């Protein structure tokens, strides 16, 4: 007679196997759909150290620089080139000394009898070349006018015969600069017309020409931005793949080791939170799902979208000195700035909440009073950014105490009692503790909101809890920037994330022979 218990156990194991096979197939479908997988990227495996020539290194650095600039133009709408001013640096002092020596030498040459015009001729030639670079290709008539007015052969002949009219040349040059410059430079060029010293005038002309060239570059950037935005995803992906193919172990760590570890850590967090793999609505909203028990032998499979969302959220808690994922390197400064801003907003909201709670409706019911406390706290936090948080909160608590008493006095109420003042300062000071209840609640609500922002289609989320109302404007702006940054990164590097996630999200044997080590 067959063993009924053994048969039942075998049937149960068979059902678990069928269920796992079905869920694995579902997971493969989600991996193909939830994370962009336009084309399988060629991620090089770890390779032995390679020796590269200087020309290869310079070429790779140049390609990386091009990709970085294009990325900056697309993601940073305020990107523009600016004049570099380093007033107290050694470089600026050396540069100023060299320029002074040159212009003093020119003044001496012009004061000779007869004057030595050799340097002047070279400067006029350089001015002419600068003016021609500011002309658009189709402006042929204007180009011919400059060539004719600044005919270098004729100018050399006039100099040789002592008939060079520097004043006439500079007047023409200023007129042409006024024609070509942006409106913002009109006033400066007009000021140059009153300078009588030819050496001083030429020096100022070169300074303004440098600014005009910057204006032209920024105008070109503005004109190219729409085109770059249309083609940037494909361009960055191709350039990144070229770098992986050329220098996998020099510019990119192994087989995207930092990116793999980043995603693996996020997958572990999502798996430990027991999210339902089929709960796509929960993934988009960022809300959690009640935990469920996993049957014996059942494989727990995470949604790739949930893993990637968690990975992006982890970037807001990045440890100082820790290497960023290779796919986020171009945005690491933006991420650091966002991380600082999110931490500051949590402290500001917590300080305002504590102050309003202790002072009662007199403060909390007045938007003007709440706003005043917010701006005082914000100014002090930003001004004390290099100070320990405990010390900053001590200063903030003292200032908030004064502000509250000033507000109460203006409204005709008595100042805070000694007990309330001590409670106010004590509770504000305790916010420095990461386990502080108020701080933890505020941080959790901020993380929930930002979780909405990083979810696909969630960049326009504007629903905030009441406790975050004091920092609503700033938090919405941070959420919009963080959501845009992650959405663009998802577009560019989605294929890489998809390939990496398959190696440890799919059950063993379902990822084309590759197993999770």
Protein backbone atom coordinates (compact mmCIF):
# COMPACT_ATOMS: atom_id res chain seq x y z
CA UNK A 1 0.00 0.00 0.00
CA UNK A 2 1.53 3.35 -1.01
CA UNK A 3 2.56 5.77 1.71
CA UNK A 4 -0.19 8.45 1.72
CA UNK A 5 1.96 10.95 3.68
CA UNK A 6 4.81 10.65 1.21
CA UNK A 7 2.41 11.08 -1.73
CA UNK A 8 0.89 14.20 -0.18
CA UNK A 9 4.35 15.68 0.40
CA UNK A 10 5.32 14.97 -3.20
CA UNK A 11 2.14 16.61 -4.54
CA UNK A 12 2.78 19.68 -2.37
CA UNK A 13 6.35 20.00 -3.61
CA UNK A 14 5.12 19.64 -7.20
CA UNK A 15 2.55 22.41 -6.67
CA UNK A 16 5.23 24.70 -5.17
CA UNK A 17 7.48 24.01 -8.17
CA UNK A 18 4.68 24.85 -10.62
CA UNK A 19 3.87 28.01 -8.66
CA UNK A 20 7.52 29.09 -8.62
CA UNK A 21 7.84 28.43 -12.36
CA UNK A 22 4.78 30.57 -13.03
CA UNK A 23 6.05 33.38 -10.80
CA UNK A 24 9.49 33.25 -12.44
CA UNK A 25 7.82 33.60 -15.85
CA UNK A 26 5.84 36.58 -14.53
CA UNK A 27 9.03 38.11 -13.17
CA UNK A 28 10.74 37.77 -16.56
CA UNK A 29 7.82 39.62 -18.13
CA UNK A 30 8.11 42.42 -15.57
CA UNK A 31 11.85 42.67 -16.07
CA UNK A 32 11.19 43.23 -19.74
CA UNK A 33 8.46 45.80 -19.15
CA UNK A 34 9.09 47.68 -15.90
CA UNK A 35 12.69 48.66 -16.61
CA UNK A 36 13.64 50.07 -20.01
CA UNK A 37 15.25 47.28 -22.02
CA UNK A 38 15.52 48.80 -25.48
CA UNK A 39 18.66 46.87 -26.35
CA UNK A 40 20.81 44.49 -24.29
CA UNK A 41 23.96 46.42 -23.37
CA UNK A 42 27.36 44.84 -23.69
CA UNK A 43 28.55 44.94 -20.08
CA UNK A 44 32.16 43.74 -20.04
CA UNK A 45 33.11 41.18 -17.45
CA UNK A 46 35.95 41.88 -15.01
CA UNK A 47 39.15 41.98 -17.04
CA UNK A 48 42.83 41.86 -16.08
CA UNK A 49 44.71 45.19 -15.80
CA UNK A 50 45.35 46.74 -19.19
CA UNK A 51 48.02 49.16 -20.34
CA UNK A 52 46.82 52.13 -22.37
CA UNK A 53 48.77 54.72 -24.30
CA UNK A 54 48.57 58.38 -23.37
CA UNK A 55 46.64 59.10 -26.57
CA UNK A 56 44.02 56.47 -25.65
CA UNK A 57 43.64 57.92 -22.18
CA UNK A 58 43.31 61.45 -23.56
CA UNK A 59 40.76 60.28 -26.13
CA UNK A 60 38.68 58.58 -23.42
CA UNK A 61 38.91 61.64 -21.19
CA UNK A 62 37.79 63.81 -24.11
CA UNK A 63 34.80 61.56 -24.81
CA UNK A 64 33.86 61.57 -21.14
CA UNK A 65 34.11 65.36 -21.09
CA UNK A 66 31.82 65.66 -24.13
CA UNK A 67 29.24 63.33 -22.57
CA UNK A 68 29.38 65.25 -19.28
CA UNK A 69 28.85 68.63 -20.98
CA UNK A 70 25.95 67.31 -23.08
CA UNK A 71 24.40 65.78 -19.94
CA UNK A 72 24.78 69.06 -18.05
CA UNK A 73 23.12 71.06 -20.82
CA UNK A 74 20.14 68.69 -20.88
CA UNK A 75 19.49 68.24 -17.15
CA UNK A 76 20.53 71.70 -15.94
CA UNK A 77 18.39 74.35 -17.61
CA UNK A 78 20.43 77.09 -15.92
CA UNK A 79 23.72 75.78 -17.30
CA UNK A 80 25.85 78.52 -18.81
CA UNK A 81 29.52 79.37 -19.08
CA UNK A 82 30.67 82.15 -16.80
CA UNK A 83 33.75 84.28 -16.41
CA UNK A 84 36.20 82.75 -13.94
CA UNK A 85 37.16 85.10 -11.12
CA UNK A 86 39.79 83.93 -8.63
CA UNK A 87 40.76 87.19 -6.91
CA UNK A 88 42.92 85.74 -4.14
CA UNK A 89 44.47 82.75 -5.90
CA UNK A 90 48.11 82.42 -6.91
CA UNK A 91 47.03 81.86 -10.50
CA UNK A 92 45.15 85.16 -10.62
CA UNK A 93 48.07 87.07 -9.09
CA UNK A 94 50.54 85.62 -11.59
CA UNK A 95 48.13 86.31 -14.45
CA UNK A 96 47.62 89.91 -13.34
CA UNK A 97 51.39 90.47 -13.02
CA UNK A 98 52.02 89.10 -16.53
CA UNK A 99 49.26 91.21 -18.04
CA UNK A 100 50.54 94.34 -16.31
CA UNK A 101 54.06 93.70 -17.61
CA UNK A 102 52.73 93.25 -21.16
CA UNK A 103 50.63 96.43 -21.18
CA UNK A 104 53.44 98.45 -19.55
CA UNK A 105 55.76 97.23 -22.28
CA UNK A 106 53.23 98.29 -24.94
CA UNK A 107 52.99 101.76 -23.41
CA UNK A 108 56.78 102.11 -23.57
CA UNK A 109 56.83 101.06 -27.23
CA UNK A 110 54.23 103.66 -28.15
CA UNK A 111 56.09 106.40 -26.25
CA UNK A 112 59.26 105.91 -28.33
CA UNK A 113 60.21 108.28 -31.11
CA UNK A 114 59.20 107.09 -33.63
CA UNK A 115 56.62 104.75 -32.00
CA UNK A 116 57.06 100.99 -32.30
CA UNK A 117 53.76 99.62 -33.70
CA UNK A 118 54.77 95.92 -33.94
CA UNK A 119 52.76 94.87 -30.86
CA UNK A 120 49.81 97.07 -31.83
CA UNK A 121 49.61 95.36 -35.23
CA UNK A 122 49.51 91.92 -33.61
CA UNK A 123 46.78 93.06 -31.20
CA UNK A 124 44.66 94.46 -34.02
CA UNK A 125 45.08 91.19 -35.90
CA UNK A 126 43.83 89.31 -32.83
CA UNK A 127 40.89 91.70 -32.39
CA UNK A 128 39.97 91.18 -36.03
CA UNK A 129 39.98 87.38 -35.58
CA UNK A 130 37.82 87.69 -32.46
CA UNK A 131 35.28 89.84 -34.30
CA UNK A 132 35.11 87.34 -37.15
CA UNK A 133 34.35 84.50 -34.69
CA UNK A 134 31.30 86.44 -33.49
CA UNK A 135 29.78 86.58 -36.97
CA UNK A 136 27.32 83.96 -38.17
CA UNK A 137 28.27 82.02 -41.34
CA UNK A 138 25.54 83.66 -43.42
CA UNK A 139 26.69 87.21 -42.57
CA UNK A 140 29.07 87.41 -45.52
CA UNK A 141 28.59 91.16 -46.11
CA UNK A 142 29.56 91.97 -42.53
CA UNK A 143 32.57 89.68 -42.79
CA UNK A 144 33.74 91.48 -45.94
CA UNK A 145 33.32 94.86 -44.22
CA UNK A 146 35.59 93.79 -41.34
CA UNK A 147 38.15 92.33 -43.73
CA UNK A 148 38.22 95.61 -45.66
CA UNK A 149 38.26 97.97 -42.66
CA UNK A 150 40.93 95.96 -40.83
CA UNK A 151 43.13 95.16 -43.83
CA UNK A 152 46.30 94.04 -42.10
CA UNK A 153 48.56 94.68 -45.10
CA UNK A 154 47.35 98.26 -45.31
CA UNK A 155 47.72 98.71 -41.55
CA UNK A 156 51.32 97.44 -41.69
CA UNK A 157 52.15 99.89 -44.50
CA UNK A 158 50.65 102.78 -42.53
CA UNK A 159 52.71 101.76 -39.47
CA UNK A 160 55.92 101.62 -41.51
CA UNK A 161 55.31 105.19 -42.78
CA UNK A 162 54.30 106.52 -39.35
CA UNK A 163 50.71 107.19 -40.51
CA UNK A 164 48.87 104.62 -38.36
CA UNK A 165 45.74 106.19 -36.83
CA UNK A 166 45.06 104.08 -33.74
CA UNK A 167 42.13 106.27 -32.69
CA UNK A 168 40.33 105.68 -35.99
CA UNK A 169 40.86 101.93 -35.78
CA UNK A 170 39.59 101.66 -32.21
CA UNK A 171 36.54 103.78 -33.08
CA UNK A 172 35.65 101.35 -35.87
CA UNK A 173 36.28 98.37 -33.61
CA UNK A 174 34.00 99.78 -30.88
CA UNK A 175 31.28 100.42 -33.45
CA UNK A 176 31.48 96.84 -34.69
CA UNK A 177 31.46 95.50 -31.13
CA UNK A 178 28.33 97.56 -30.38
CA UNK A 179 26.68 96.00 -33.43
CA UNK A 180 27.58 92.41 -32.52
CA UNK A 181 27.22 92.42 -28.75
CA UNK A 182 24.28 91.32 -26.63
CA UNK A 183 22.18 94.16 -25.17
CA UNK A 184 23.69 93.51 -21.75
CA UNK A 185 27.07 94.75 -23.05
CA UNK A 186 25.83 98.04 -24.55
CA UNK A 187 26.56 100.09 -21.45
CA UNK A 188 30.09 98.73 -21.08
CA UNK A 189 30.95 99.40 -24.71
CA UNK A 190 29.55 102.92 -24.44
CA UNK A 191 31.84 103.49 -21.47
CA UNK A 192 34.87 102.50 -23.54
CA UNK A 193 34.25 105.42 -25.91
CA UNK A 194 35.31 107.83 -23.17
CA UNK A 195 38.74 106.25 -22.67
CA UNK A 196 41.48 108.31 -24.32
CA UNK A 197 44.56 106.25 -23.40
CA UNK A 198 45.03 103.79 -26.31
CA UNK A 199 46.75 101.14 -24.16
CA UNK A 200 44.00 101.18 -21.52
CA UNK A 201 41.37 101.16 -24.27
CA UNK A 202 42.88 98.11 -26.02
CA UNK A 203 43.06 96.25 -22.72
CA UNK A 204 39.37 96.92 -22.06
CA UNK A 205 38.46 95.96 -25.62
CA UNK A 206 40.00 92.52 -25.09
CA UNK A 207 38.18 92.12 -21.80
CA UNK A 208 34.80 92.91 -23.38
CA UNK A 209 35.55 90.69 -26.38
CA UNK A 210 36.12 87.76 -24.01
CA UNK A 211 32.71 88.42 -22.46
CA UNK A 212 31.11 88.63 -25.89
CA UNK A 213 32.56 85.25 -26.83
CA UNK A 214 31.05 83.81 -23.65
CA UNK A 215 27.71 85.34 -24.63
CA UNK A 216 27.95 83.71 -28.05
CA UNK A 217 28.74 80.29 -26.56
CA UNK A 218 25.81 80.57 -24.14
CA UNK A 219 23.53 81.60 -26.99
CA UNK A 220 24.67 78.54 -28.94
CA UNK A 221 24.00 76.30 -25.93
CA UNK A 222 20.50 77.73 -25.60
CA UNK A 223 19.84 77.16 -29.30
CA UNK A 224 21.15 73.58 -29.22
CA UNK A 225 19.34 72.52 -26.02
CA UNK A 226 16.04 71.42 -27.73
CA UNK A 227 18.00 69.30 -30.22
CA UNK A 228 20.13 67.75 -27.48
CA UNK A 229 17.03 66.97 -25.42
CA UNK A 230 15.57 65.03 -28.33
CA UNK A 231 18.69 62.93 -28.86
CA UNK A 232 20.43 62.94 -25.48
CA UNK A 233 19.21 59.54 -24.23
CA UNK A 234 20.57 57.64 -27.20
CA UNK A 235 23.73 59.78 -27.31
CA UNK A 236 24.63 59.24 -23.65
CA UNK A 237 23.89 55.52 -23.83
CA UNK A 238 26.12 55.12 -26.89
CA UNK A 239 28.96 57.15 -25.36
CA UNK A 240 28.73 55.21 -22.11
CA UNK A 241 28.88 51.92 -24.03
CA UNK A 242 31.92 53.17 -25.94
CA UNK A 243 33.68 53.90 -22.66
CA UNK A 244 32.77 50.44 -21.36
CA UNK A 245 34.19 48.86 -24.51
CA UNK A 246 37.38 50.95 -24.61
CA UNK A 247 38.43 51.28 -20.99
CA UNK A 248 36.29 49.00 -18.79
CA UNK A 249 38.74 48.77 -15.90
CA UNK A 250 40.21 52.29 -16.06
CA UNK A 251 37.25 54.65 -16.18
CA UNK A 252 34.54 52.18 -15.16
CA UNK A 253 34.98 49.90 -12.15
CA UNK A 254 35.01 46.28 -13.39
CA UNK A 255 31.65 45.13 -14.76
CA UNK A 256 29.77 48.11 -13.24
CA UNK A 257 30.62 46.76 -9.78
CA UNK A 258 29.39 49.81 -7.84
CA UNK A 259 26.13 49.89 -9.78
CA UNK A 260 25.60 46.16 -9.22
CA UNK A 261 26.22 46.47 -5.48
CA UNK A 262 23.89 49.49 -5.30
CA UNK A 263 21.06 47.55 -6.95
CA UNK A 264 21.78 44.41 -4.95
CA UNK A 265 21.50 46.36 -1.68
CA UNK A 266 18.19 47.87 -2.82
CA UNK A 267 16.87 44.44 -3.81
CA UNK A 268 17.70 43.09 -0.36
CA UNK A 269 15.78 45.95 1.26
CA UNK A 270 12.73 45.43 -0.96
CA UNK A 271 12.82 41.68 -0.40
CA UNK A 272 13.03 42.06 3.39
CA UNK A 273 10.03 44.40 3.37
CA UNK A 274 7.87 41.59 1.88
CA UNK A 275 6.34 43.65 -0.93
CA UNK A 276 3.86 41.75 -3.07
CA UNK A 277 5.52 41.34 -6.47
CA UNK A 278 2.25 41.88 -8.32
CA UNK A 279 1.34 45.09 -6.49
CA UNK A 280 2.21 47.51 -9.24
CA UNK A 281 -0.04 50.18 -7.78
CA UNK A 282 1.88 50.06 -4.52
CA UNK A 283 5.16 50.42 -6.38
CA UNK A 284 3.99 53.53 -8.16
CA UNK A 285 2.56 55.18 -5.10
CA UNK A 286 5.46 54.24 -2.86
CA UNK A 287 3.12 52.79 -0.22
CA UNK A 288 3.87 49.48 1.44
CA UNK A 289 1.77 46.34 1.35
CA UNK A 290 0.92 44.28 4.45
CA UNK A 291 3.46 41.47 4.80
CA UNK A 292 2.49 37.98 3.86
CA UNK A 293 3.96 34.61 4.75
CA UNK A 294 6.09 32.89 2.13
CA UNK A 295 5.27 29.20 1.67
CA UNK A 296 7.99 26.62 2.14
CA UNK A 297 10.09 26.28 -0.98
CA UNK A 298 8.52 29.36 -2.55
CA UNK A 299 10.88 31.83 -4.27
CA UNK A 300 10.45 35.47 -3.27
CA UNK A 301 10.78 37.60 -6.42
CA UNK A 302 11.02 41.39 -6.24
CA UNK A 303 9.63 43.78 -8.80
CA UNK A 304 12.48 45.48 -10.71
CA UNK A 305 10.59 48.77 -10.58
CA UNK A 306 10.37 48.59 -6.79
CA UNK A 307 14.08 47.73 -6.58
CA UNK A 308 15.12 50.62 -8.81
CA UNK A 309 12.87 53.05 -6.91
CA UNK A 310 14.45 51.91 -3.64
CA UNK A 311 17.92 52.29 -5.16
CA UNK A 312 17.18 55.89 -6.14
CA UNK A 313 15.88 56.62 -2.64
CA UNK A 314 19.08 55.18 -1.15
CA UNK A 315 21.03 57.92 -2.96
CA UNK A 316 19.50 60.45 -0.57
CA UNK A 317 21.21 58.65 2.35
CA UNK A 318 24.59 58.14 0.70
CA UNK A 319 27.53 57.83 3.06
CA UNK A 320 30.34 60.42 2.65
CA UNK A 321 33.31 58.96 0.82
CA UNK A 322 31.41 55.99 -0.56
CA UNK A 323 31.72 55.49 -4.32
CA UNK A 324 28.61 56.37 -6.31
CA UNK A 325 27.25 53.93 -8.92
CA UNK A 326 29.02 54.35 -12.24
CA UNK A 327 25.72 55.27 -13.89
CA UNK A 328 25.19 58.18 -11.44
CA UNK A 329 28.66 59.75 -11.56
CA UNK A 330 27.62 62.70 -13.72
CA UNK A 331 24.91 63.58 -11.21
CA UNK A 332 26.79 63.02 -7.97
CA UNK A 333 27.13 66.74 -7.14
CA UNK A 334 23.40 67.24 -7.77
CA UNK A 335 22.64 64.24 -5.55
CA UNK A 336 24.85 65.59 -2.75
CA UNK A 337 23.08 68.94 -2.97
CA UNK A 338 19.66 67.23 -2.85
CA UNK A 339 20.75 65.11 0.10
CA UNK A 340 21.80 68.22 2.06
CA UNK A 341 18.57 70.03 1.15
CA UNK A 342 16.37 67.09 2.19
CA UNK A 343 18.14 66.85 5.55
CA UNK A 344 17.80 70.61 6.10
CA UNK A 345 14.10 70.58 5.23
CA UNK A 346 13.50 67.78 7.73
CA UNK A 347 15.18 69.81 10.49
CA UNK A 348 13.28 72.99 9.54
CA UNK A 349 9.92 71.20 9.52
CA UNK A 350 10.69 69.53 12.86
CA UNK A 351 11.72 72.83 14.50
CA UNK A 352 8.58 74.60 13.27
CA UNK A 353 6.36 71.68 14.36
CA UNK A 354 7.88 71.62 17.86
CA UNK A 355 7.62 75.42 18.20
CA UNK A 356 4.00 75.48 17.07
CA UNK A 357 3.09 72.62 19.40
CA UNK A 358 4.59 74.25 22.50
CA UNK A 359 3.32 77.76 21.76
CA UNK A 360 -0.19 76.63 20.86
CA UNK A 361 -2.73 78.18 18.50
CA UNK A 362 -1.26 81.67 18.85
CA UNK A 363 1.61 80.59 16.59
CA UNK A 364 0.28 77.56 14.72
CA UNK A 365 -2.90 79.29 13.51
CA UNK A 366 -0.97 82.22 12.01
CA UNK A 367 0.69 81.45 8.64
CA UNK A 368 2.73 84.65 8.97
CA UNK A 369 4.17 83.55 12.34
CA UNK A 370 4.90 80.03 11.11
CA UNK A 371 6.57 81.44 8.01
CA UNK A 372 8.73 83.72 10.16
CA UNK A 373 9.95 80.81 12.29
CA UNK A 374 10.66 78.82 9.15
CA UNK A 375 12.83 81.51 7.55
CA UNK A 376 14.74 82.14 10.78
CA UNK A 377 15.49 78.41 11.10
CA UNK A 378 16.41 78.12 7.42
CA UNK A 379 18.78 81.10 7.55
CA UNK A 380 20.55 79.72 10.62
CA UNK A 381 20.85 76.17 9.24
CA UNK A 382 22.31 77.40 5.94
CA UNK A 383 24.59 79.86 7.73
CA UNK A 384 25.86 77.18 10.09
CA UNK A 385 26.26 74.44 7.47
CA UNK A 386 29.81 73.64 8.61
CA UNK A 387 28.83 73.47 12.30
CA UNK A 388 27.81 70.32 14.18
CA UNK A 389 24.04 69.86 14.16
CA UNK A 390 23.91 69.89 17.98
CA UNK A 391 25.62 73.29 18.09
CA UNK A 392 23.47 74.64 15.26
CA UNK A 393 20.26 73.59 17.04
CA UNK A 394 21.46 75.26 20.24
CA UNK A 395 21.77 78.58 18.37
CA UNK A 396 18.47 77.94 16.59
CA UNK A 397 16.64 77.21 19.86
CA UNK A 398 17.86 80.48 21.38
CA UNK A 399 16.87 82.48 18.31
CA UNK A 400 13.46 80.76 18.02
CA UNK A 401 12.82 81.56 21.70
CA UNK A 402 13.48 85.25 21.00
CA UNK A 403 11.34 85.23 17.86
CA UNK A 404 8.43 83.55 19.68
CA UNK A 405 8.57 86.12 22.48
CA UNK A 406 8.68 88.95 19.94
CA UNK A 407 5.64 87.55 18.15
CA UNK A 408 3.74 87.10 21.41
CA UNK A 409 4.61 90.64 22.47
CA UNK A 410 3.36 92.10 19.16
CA UNK A 411 0.10 90.17 19.52
CA UNK A 412 -0.38 91.35 23.10
CA UNK A 413 0.36 88.03 24.80
CA UNK A 414 2.79 87.43 27.68
CA UNK A 415 6.20 85.93 26.97
CA UNK A 416 6.79 82.21 27.40
CA UNK A 417 7.14 81.05 30.98
CA UNK A 418 10.47 79.69 32.12
CA UNK A 419 9.13 76.13 31.99
CA UNK A 420 7.82 76.54 28.45
CA UNK A 421 11.02 78.27 27.33
CA UNK A 422 13.11 75.43 28.76
CA UNK A 423 10.81 72.86 27.11
CA UNK A 424 11.04 74.68 23.77
CA UNK A 425 14.84 74.82 23.81
CA UNK A 426 15.14 71.27 25.07
CA UNK A 427 12.85 69.77 22.42
CA UNK A 428 14.51 71.72 19.61
CA UNK A 429 17.93 70.60 20.84
CA UNK A 430 16.80 66.97 20.98
CA UNK A 431 16.06 67.03 17.23
CA UNK A 432 19.80 66.43 16.74
CA UNK A 433 19.15 62.86 17.91
CA UNK A 434 18.35 60.67 14.88
CA UNK A 435 15.93 58.67 17.06
CA UNK A 436 13.98 61.79 18.02
CA UNK A 437 10.27 60.95 17.53
CA UNK A 438 9.35 64.21 15.78
CA UNK A 439 12.35 64.05 13.48
CA UNK A 440 11.65 60.42 12.59
CA UNK A 441 8.02 61.18 11.69
CA UNK A 442 9.01 64.16 9.55
CA UNK A 443 11.77 62.23 7.77
CA UNK A 444 9.44 59.30 7.10
CA UNK A 445 6.82 61.57 5.56
CA UNK A 446 9.43 63.32 3.41
CA UNK A 447 10.73 59.94 2.22
CA UNK A 448 7.19 58.82 1.39
CA UNK A 449 6.62 61.96 -0.67
CA UNK A 450 9.94 61.61 -2.50
CA UNK A 451 9.12 57.94 -3.08
CA UNK A 452 6.11 59.13 -5.09
CA UNK A 453 8.38 61.47 -7.07
CA UNK A 454 10.83 58.76 -8.20
CA UNK A 455 8.08 56.34 -9.26
CA UNK A 456 7.34 56.34 -13.01
CA UNK A 457 4.74 59.00 -13.68
CA UNK A 458 4.94 60.41 -10.17
CA UNK A 459 7.04 63.53 -10.83
CA UNK A 460 4.00 65.82 -10.59
CA UNK A 461 2.90 64.59 -7.15
CA UNK A 462 1.81 67.51 -4.96
CA UNK A 463 0.04 65.84 -2.04
CA UNK A 464 1.87 66.63 1.19
CA UNK A 465 0.93 65.85 4.82
CA UNK A 466 -0.08 68.85 6.94
CA UNK A 467 3.09 68.56 9.05
CA UNK A 468 5.17 69.34 5.95
CA UNK A 469 3.16 72.46 5.05
CA UNK A 470 5.87 74.89 6.31
CA UNK A 471 8.37 73.49 3.77
CA UNK A 472 5.86 72.67 1.04
CA UNK A 473 7.27 75.04 -1.57
CA UNK A 474 10.86 73.90 -1.09
CA UNK A 475 9.94 70.22 -0.88
CA UNK A 476 7.89 70.34 -4.07
CA UNK A 477 10.84 71.92 -5.86
CA UNK A 478 13.25 69.26 -4.49
CA UNK A 479 10.81 66.51 -5.46
CA UNK A 480 10.49 67.86 -8.98
CA UNK A 481 14.26 68.01 -9.45
CA UNK A 482 14.84 64.57 -7.92
CA UNK A 483 12.02 63.04 -9.96
CA UNK A 484 13.31 64.56 -13.21
CA UNK A 485 16.87 63.44 -12.49
CA UNK A 486 15.88 59.84 -11.75
CA UNK A 487 13.42 59.65 -14.66
CA UNK A 488 16.13 60.73 -17.09
CA UNK A 489 18.66 58.33 -15.55
CA UNK A 490 16.10 55.52 -15.87
CA UNK A 491 15.71 56.30 -19.58
CA UNK A 492 19.44 56.35 -20.30
CA UNK A 493 20.62 53.41 -18.20
CA UNK A 494 17.46 51.29 -18.06
CA UNK A 495 18.93 48.56 -20.29
CA UNK A 496 21.97 48.23 -18.00
CA UNK A 497 19.80 48.06 -14.89
CA UNK A 498 17.62 45.42 -16.54
CA UNK A 499 20.57 43.18 -17.36
CA UNK A 500 22.05 43.55 -13.88
CA UNK A 501 18.75 42.93 -12.09
CA UNK A 502 18.18 39.73 -14.04
CA UNK A 503 21.31 38.22 -12.50
CA UNK A 504 19.92 38.21 -8.97
CA UNK A 505 16.15 38.76 -9.24
CA UNK A 506 15.42 35.74 -11.42
CA UNK A 507 15.62 32.28 -9.84
CA UNK A 508 18.76 30.29 -10.59
CA UNK A 509 18.66 28.78 -14.03
CA UNK A 510 16.21 31.34 -15.44
CA UNK A 511 18.77 34.01 -16.40
CA UNK A 512 20.50 32.40 -19.29
CA UNK A 513 22.94 30.39 -17.26
CA UNK A 514 24.19 33.24 -15.10
CA UNK A 515 23.71 32.79 -11.38
CA UNK A 516 23.85 35.13 -8.47
CA UNK A 517 27.16 34.80 -6.75
